[in-house]
Amino acid sequence: MPKATFYIWAKCGVNSMDFVKKMLEVGVVATPGVGFGSQGEGYVRFSATCPEERIKEACERLKKIF
């Protein structure tokens, strides 16, 4: 059984679909947690398969919505 994945679950504290829509406005894509069932609501899922520089760029973009 694997002990790790290429995904990061982050608590967004609000409607996950609305949060993902807001992220798209700054060019960052994630999956709303609600897409994985009702217990996923309030979370978003990021893939960590991009090069480190792209992940850092996404983090900088996310700062614009906070």
PDB file of N, CA and C in Angstrom:
ATOM      1  N   MET A   1       0.834  -1.173   0.000  1.00  0.00           N
ATOM      2  CA  MET A   1       0.000   0.000   0.000  1.00  0.00           C
ATOM      3  C   MET A   1       0.888   1.249   0.000  1.00  0.00           C
ATOM      4  N   PRO A   2       0.704   2.149  -0.965  1.00  0.00           N
ATOM      5  CA  PRO A   2       1.517   3.372  -1.003  1.00  0.00           C
ATOM      6  C   PRO A   2       1.271   4.249   0.221  1.00  0.00           C
ATOM      7  N   LYS A   3       2.301   4.946   0.644  1.00  0.00           N
ATOM      8  CA  LYS A   3       2.181   5.846   1.788  1.00  0.00           C
ATOM      9  C   LYS A   3       2.177   7.305   1.358  1.00  0.00           C
ATOM     10  N   ALA A   4       2.202   7.540   0.048  1.00  0.00           N
ATOM     11  CA  ALA A   4       2.219   8.914  -0.449  1.00  0.00           C
ATOM     12  C   ALA A   4       1.574   8.961  -1.831  1.00  0.00           C
ATOM     13  N   THR A   5       1.167  10.148  -2.233  1.00  0.00           N
ATOM     14  CA  THR A   5       0.596  10.353  -3.563  1.00  0.00           C
ATOM     15  C   THR A   5       1.191  11.626  -4.152  1.00  0.00           C
ATOM     16  N   PHE A   6       0.777  11.929  -5.367  1.00  0.00           N
ATOM     17  CA  PHE A   6       1.225  13.148  -6.033  1.00  0.00           C
ATOM     18  C   PHE A   6       0.212  14.268  -5.869  1.00  0.00           C
ATOM     19  N   TYR A   7      -0.635  14.155  -4.856  1.00  0.00           N
ATOM     20  CA  TYR A   7      -1.686  15.149  -4.659  1.00  0.00           C
ATOM     21  C   TYR A   7      -1.569  15.791  -3.295  1.00  0.00           C
ATOM     22  N   ILE A   8      -1.994  17.045  -3.237  1.00  0.00           N
ATOM     23  CA  ILE A   8      -2.014  17.795  -1.987  1.00  0.00           C
ATOM     24  C   ILE A   8      -3.446  18.248  -1.759  1.00  0.00           C
ATOM     25  N   TRP A   9      -3.986  17.897  -0.623  1.00  0.00           N
ATOM     26  CA  TRP A   9      -5.323  18.358  -0.246  1.00  0.00           C
ATOM     27  C   TRP A   9      -5.155  19.571   0.656  1.00  0.00           C
ATOM     28  N   ALA A  10      -5.827  20.661   0.299  1.00  0.00           N
ATOM     29  CA  ALA A  10      -5.732  21.891   1.091  1.00  0.00           C
ATOM     30  C   ALA A  10      -7.118  22.326   1.530  1.00  0.00           C
ATOM     31  N   LYS A  11      -7.240  22.679   2.781  1.00  0.00           N
ATOM     32  CA  LYS A  11      -8.509  23.165   3.304  1.00  0.00           C
ATOM     33  C   LYS A  11      -8.716  24.596   2.830  1.00  0.00           C
ATOM     34  N   CYS A  12      -9.809  24.838   2.138  1.00  0.00           N
ATOM     35  CA  CYS A  12     -10.080  26.201   1.659  1.00  0.00           C
ATOM     36  C   CYS A  12     -11.105  26.900   2.553  1.00  0.00           C
ATOM     37  N   GLY A  13     -11.834  26.143   3.365  1.00  0.00           N
ATOM     38  CA  GLY A  13     -12.747  26.728   4.336  1.00  0.00           C
ATOM     39  C   GLY A  13     -14.020  27.325   3.769  1.00  0.00           C
ATOM     40  N   VAL A  14     -14.200  27.221   2.462  1.00  0.00           N
ATOM     41  CA  VAL A  14     -15.408  27.746   1.809  1.00  0.00           C
ATOM     42  C   VAL A  14     -15.875  26.712   0.788  1.00  0.00           C
ATOM     43  N   ASN A  15     -16.900  27.046   0.033  1.00  0.00           N
ATOM     44  CA  ASN A  15     -17.396  26.176  -1.017  1.00  0.00           C
ATOM     45  C   ASN A  15     -16.255  25.882  -1.992  1.00  0.00           C
ATOM     46  N   SER A  16     -15.924  24.613  -2.152  1.00  0.00           N
ATOM     47  CA  SER A  16     -14.752  24.256  -2.951  1.00  0.00           C
ATOM     48  C   SER A  16     -14.906  24.629  -4.420  1.00  0.00           C
ATOM     49  N   MET A  17     -16.109  24.541  -4.954  1.00  0.00           N
ATOM     50  CA  MET A  17     -16.327  24.897  -6.359  1.00  0.00           C
ATOM     51  C   MET A  17     -16.106  26.396  -6.564  1.00  0.00           C
ATOM     52  N   ASP A  18     -16.627  27.213  -5.658  1.00  0.00           N
ATOM     53  CA  ASP A  18     -16.435  28.663  -5.757  1.00  0.00           C
ATOM     54  C   ASP A  18     -14.957  29.028  -5.634  1.00  0.00           C
ATOM     55  N   PHE A  19     -14.261  28.346  -4.736  1.00  0.00           N
ATOM     56  CA  PHE A  19     -12.841  28.634  -4.532  1.00  0.00           C
ATOM     57  C   PHE A  19     -12.037  28.313  -5.783  1.00  0.00           C
ATOM     58  N   VAL A  20     -12.334  27.174  -6.411  1.00  0.00           N
ATOM     59  CA  VAL A  20     -11.622  26.783  -7.631  1.00  0.00           C
ATOM     60  C   VAL A  20     -11.901  27.785  -8.752  1.00  0.00           C
ATOM     61  N   LYS A  21     -13.111  28.281  -8.840  1.00  0.00           N
ATOM     62  CA  LYS A  21     -13.441  29.300  -9.854  1.00  0.00           C
ATOM     63  C   LYS A  21     -12.604  30.556  -9.625  1.00  0.00           C
ATOM     64  N   LYS A  22     -12.453  30.941  -8.366  1.00  0.00           N
ATOM     65  CA  LYS A  22     -11.636  32.117  -8.034  1.00  0.00           C
ATOM     66  C   LYS A  22     -10.166  31.878  -8.393  1.00  0.00           C
ATOM     67  N   MET A  23      -9.697  30.664  -8.178  1.00  0.00           N
ATOM     68  CA  MET A  23      -8.315  30.319  -8.526  1.00  0.00           C
ATOM     69  C   MET A  23      -8.090  30.416 -10.030  1.00  0.00           C
ATOM     70  N   LEU A  24      -9.080  30.015 -10.807  1.00  0.00           N
ATOM     71  CA  LEU A  24      -8.962  30.080 -12.268  1.00  0.00           C
ATOM     72  C   LEU A  24      -8.744  31.509 -12.749  1.00  0.00           C
ATOM     73  N   GLU A  25      -9.287  32.486 -12.018  1.00  0.00           N
ATOM     74  CA  GLU A  25      -9.124  33.893 -12.379  1.00  0.00           C
ATOM     75  C   GLU A  25      -7.667  34.333 -12.360  1.00  0.00           C
ATOM     76  N   VAL A  26      -6.828  33.651 -11.568  1.00  0.00           N
ATOM     77  CA  VAL A  26      -5.399  33.983 -11.518  1.00  0.00           C
ATOM     78  C   VAL A  26      -4.553  32.919 -12.221  1.00  0.00           C
ATOM     79  N   GLY A  27      -5.210  32.016 -12.948  1.00  0.00           N
ATOM     80  CA  GLY A  27      -4.486  31.045 -13.758  1.00  0.00           C
ATOM     81  C   GLY A  27      -3.973  29.818 -13.034  1.00  0.00           C
ATOM     82  N   VAL A  28      -4.633  29.441 -11.937  1.00  0.00           N
ATOM     83  CA  VAL A  28      -4.235  28.251 -11.187  1.00  0.00           C
ATOM     84  C   VAL A  28      -5.388  27.248 -11.243  1.00  0.00           C
ATOM     85  N   VAL A  29      -5.055  26.002 -11.553  1.00  0.00           N
ATOM     86  CA  VAL A  29      -6.068  24.953 -11.681  1.00  0.00           C
ATOM     87  C   VAL A  29      -5.930  23.956 -10.545  1.00  0.00           C
ATOM     88  N   ALA A  30      -7.063  23.616  -9.940  1.00  0.00           N
ATOM     89  CA  ALA A  30      -7.123  22.576  -8.914  1.00  0.00           C
ATOM     90  C   ALA A  30      -8.481  21.899  -9.038  1.00  0.00           C
ATOM     91  N   THR A  31      -8.656  20.821  -8.338  1.00  0.00           N
ATOM     92  CA  THR A  31      -9.914  20.084  -8.367  1.00  0.00           C
ATOM     93  C   THR A  31     -10.699  20.390  -7.099  1.00  0.00           C
ATOM     94  N   PRO A  32     -11.978  20.765  -7.233  1.00  0.00           N
ATOM     95  CA  PRO A  32     -12.780  20.996  -6.029  1.00  0.00           C
ATOM     96  C   PRO A  32     -12.984  19.683  -5.275  1.00  0.00           C
ATOM     97  N   GLY A  33     -12.832  19.732  -3.987  1.00  0.00           N
ATOM     98  CA  GLY A  33     -12.963  18.527  -3.176  1.00  0.00           C
ATOM     99  C   GLY A  33     -14.322  17.876  -3.266  1.00  0.00           C
ATOM    100  N   VAL A  34     -15.358  18.659  -3.479  1.00  0.00           N
ATOM    101  CA  VAL A  34     -16.709  18.112  -3.548  1.00  0.00           C
ATOM    102  C   VAL A  34     -16.839  17.096  -4.685  1.00  0.00           C
ATOM    103  N   GLY A  35     -15.964  17.173  -5.665  1.00  0.00           N
ATOM    104  CA  GLY A  35     -15.979  16.207  -6.754  1.00  0.00           C
ATOM    105  C   GLY A  35     -15.625  14.794  -6.304  1.00  0.00           C
ATOM    106  N   PHE A  36     -15.120  14.672  -5.091  1.00  0.00           N
ATOM    107  CA  PHE A  36     -14.765  13.365  -4.537  1.00  0.00           C
ATOM    108  C   PHE A  36     -15.761  12.913  -3.479  1.00  0.00           C
ATOM    109  N   GLY A  37     -16.863  13.637  -3.372  1.00  0.00           N
ATOM    110  CA  GLY A  37     -17.900  13.294  -2.404  1.00  0.00           C
ATOM    111  C   GLY A  37     -18.117  14.411  -1.403  1.00  0.00           C
ATOM    112  N   SER A  38     -19.182  14.281  -0.642  1.00  0.00           N
ATOM    113  CA  SER A  38     -19.555  15.349   0.296  1.00  0.00           C
ATOM    114  C   SER A  38     -18.485  15.623   1.347  1.00  0.00           C
ATOM    115  N   GLN A  39     -17.703  14.627   1.709  1.00  0.00           N
ATOM    116  CA  GLN A  39     -16.654  14.850   2.718  1.00  0.00           C
ATOM    117  C   GLN A  39     -15.488  15.664   2.170  1.00  0.00           C
ATOM    118  N   GLY A  40     -15.420  15.804   0.855  1.00  0.00           N
ATOM    119  CA  GLY A  40     -14.368  16.614   0.244  1.00  0.00           C
ATOM    120  C   GLY A  40     -14.700  18.090   0.194  1.00  0.00           C
ATOM    121  N   GLU A  41     -15.955  18.437   0.517  1.00  0.00           N
ATOM    122  CA  GLU A  41     -16.342  19.845   0.495  1.00  0.00           C
ATOM    123  C   GLU A  41     -15.502  20.633   1.496  1.00  0.00           C
ATOM    124  N   GLY A  42     -15.083  21.839   1.075  1.00  0.00           N
ATOM    125  CA  GLY A  42     -14.236  22.672   1.932  1.00  0.00           C
ATOM    126  C   GLY A  42     -12.748  22.451   1.682  1.00  0.00           C
ATOM    127  N   TYR A  43     -12.436  21.582   0.710  1.00  0.00           N
ATOM    128  CA  TYR A  43     -11.047  21.290   0.354  1.00  0.00           C
ATOM    129  C   TYR A  43     -10.860  21.404  -1.154  1.00  0.00           C
ATOM    130  N   VAL A  44      -9.633  21.614  -1.570  1.00  0.00           N
ATOM    131  CA  VAL A  44      -9.264  21.533  -2.980  1.00  0.00           C
ATOM    132  C   VAL A  44      -8.082  20.584  -3.091  1.00  0.00           C
ATOM    133  N   ARG A  45      -7.946  19.967  -4.271  1.00  0.00           N
ATOM    134  CA  ARG A  45      -6.855  19.018  -4.476  1.00  0.00           C
ATOM    135  C   ARG A  45      -5.943  19.529  -5.575  1.00  0.00           C
ATOM    136  N   PHE A  46      -4.670  19.648  -5.251  1.00  0.00           N
ATOM    137  CA  PHE A  46      -3.643  20.070  -6.199  1.00  0.00           C
ATOM    138  C   PHE A  46      -2.825  18.861  -6.626  1.00  0.00           C
ATOM    139  N   SER A  47      -2.373  18.865  -7.856  1.00  0.00           N
ATOM    140  CA  SER A  47      -1.433  17.861  -8.324  1.00  0.00           C
ATOM    141  C   SER A  47      -0.025  18.428  -8.162  1.00  0.00           C
ATOM    142  N   ALA A  48       0.875  17.609  -7.655  1.00  0.00           N
ATOM    143  CA  ALA A  48       2.256  18.049  -7.435  1.00  0.00           C
ATOM    144  C   ALA A  48       3.199  17.402  -8.443  1.00  0.00           C
ATOM    145  N   THR A  49       2.733  17.251  -9.679  1.00  0.00           N
ATOM    146  CA  THR A  49       3.541  16.587 -10.698  1.00  0.00           C
ATOM    147  C   THR A  49       4.255  17.561 -11.624  1.00  0.00           C
ATOM    148  N   CYS A  50       4.072  18.842 -11.402  1.00  0.00           N
ATOM    149  CA  CYS A  50       4.745  19.866 -12.219  1.00  0.00           C
ATOM    150  C   CYS A  50       6.148  20.120 -11.686  1.00  0.00           C
ATOM    151  N   PRO A  51       7.004  20.704 -12.518  1.00  0.00           N
ATOM    152  CA  PRO A  51       8.326  21.106 -12.019  1.00  0.00           C
ATOM    153  C   PRO A  51       8.187  22.108 -10.863  1.00  0.00           C
ATOM    154  N   GLU A  52       9.147  22.107  -9.985  1.00  0.00           N
ATOM    155  CA  GLU A  52       9.116  22.960  -8.792  1.00  0.00           C
ATOM    156  C   GLU A  52       8.899  24.434  -9.134  1.00  0.00           C
ATOM    157  N   GLU A  53       9.500  24.913 -10.193  1.00  0.00           N
ATOM    158  CA  GLU A  53       9.349  26.321 -10.573  1.00  0.00           C
ATOM    159  C   GLU A  53       7.890  26.658 -10.902  1.00  0.00           C
ATOM    160  N   ARG A  54       7.178  25.749 -11.556  1.00  0.00           N
ATOM    161  CA  ARG A  54       5.760  25.974 -11.886  1.00  0.00           C
ATOM    162  C   ARG A  54       4.913  26.007 -10.616  1.00  0.00           C
ATOM    163  N   ILE A  55       5.243  25.166  -9.660  1.00  0.00           N
ATOM    164  CA  ILE A  55       4.514  25.150  -8.393  1.00  0.00           C
ATOM    165  C   ILE A  55       4.748  26.461  -7.646  1.00  0.00           C
ATOM    166  N   LYS A  56       5.983  26.950  -7.640  1.00  0.00           N
ATOM    167  CA  LYS A  56       6.277  28.240  -7.005  1.00  0.00           C
ATOM    168  C   LYS A  56       5.515  29.366  -7.691  1.00  0.00           C
ATOM    169  N   GLU A  57       5.441  29.323  -9.021  1.00  0.00           N
ATOM    170  CA  GLU A  57       4.693  30.334  -9.775  1.00  0.00           C
ATOM    171  C   GLU A  57       3.208  30.298  -9.390  1.00  0.00           C
ATOM    172  N   ALA A  58       2.649  29.104  -9.262  1.00  0.00           N
ATOM    173  CA  ALA A  58       1.247  28.974  -8.861  1.00  0.00           C
ATOM    174  C   ALA A  58       1.026  29.556  -7.468  1.00  0.00           C
ATOM    175  N   CYS A  59       1.961  29.325  -6.562  1.00  0.00           N
ATOM    176  CA  CYS A  59       1.853  29.888  -5.208  1.00  0.00           C
ATOM    177  C   CYS A  59       1.864  31.411  -5.245  1.00  0.00           C
ATOM    178  N   GLU A  60       2.708  31.987  -6.070  1.00  0.00           N
ATOM    179  CA  GLU A  60       2.752  33.454  -6.210  1.00  0.00           C
ATOM    180  C   GLU A  60       1.416  33.979  -6.754  1.00  0.00           C
ATOM    181  N   ARG A  61       0.844  33.280  -7.717  1.00  0.00           N
ATOM    182  CA  ARG A  61      -0.442  33.694  -8.273  1.00  0.00           C
ATOM    183  C   ARG A  61      -1.553  33.613  -7.237  1.00  0.00           C
ATOM    184  N   LEU A  62      -1.508  32.561  -6.403  1.00  0.00           N
ATOM    185  CA  LEU A  62      -2.542  32.391  -5.377  1.00  0.00           C
ATOM    186  C   LEU A  62      -2.531  33.527  -4.359  1.00  0.00           C
ATOM    187  N   LYS A  63      -1.371  34.131  -4.137  1.00  0.00           N
ATOM    188  CA  LYS A  63      -1.296  35.244  -3.186  1.00  0.00           C
ATOM    189  C   LYS A  63      -2.230  36.381  -3.594  1.00  0.00           C
ATOM    190  N   LYS A  64      -2.519  36.496  -4.892  1.00  0.00           N
ATOM    191  CA  LYS A  64      -3.386  37.574  -5.387  1.00  0.00           C
ATOM    192  C   LYS A  64      -4.829  37.443  -4.921  1.00  0.00           C
ATOM    193  N   ILE A  65      -5.252  36.255  -4.542  1.00  0.00           N
ATOM    194  CA  ILE A  65      -6.653  36.094  -4.150  1.00  0.00           C
ATOM    195  C   ILE A  65      -6.840  36.060  -2.639  1.00  0.00           C
ATOM    196  N   PHE A  66      -5.749  36.207  -1.904  1.00  0.00           N
ATOM    197  CA  PHE A  66      -5.861  36.229  -0.440  1.00  0.00           C
ATOM    198  C   PHE A  66      -5.698  37.612   0.109  1.00  0.00           C
TER     199      PHE A  66
END
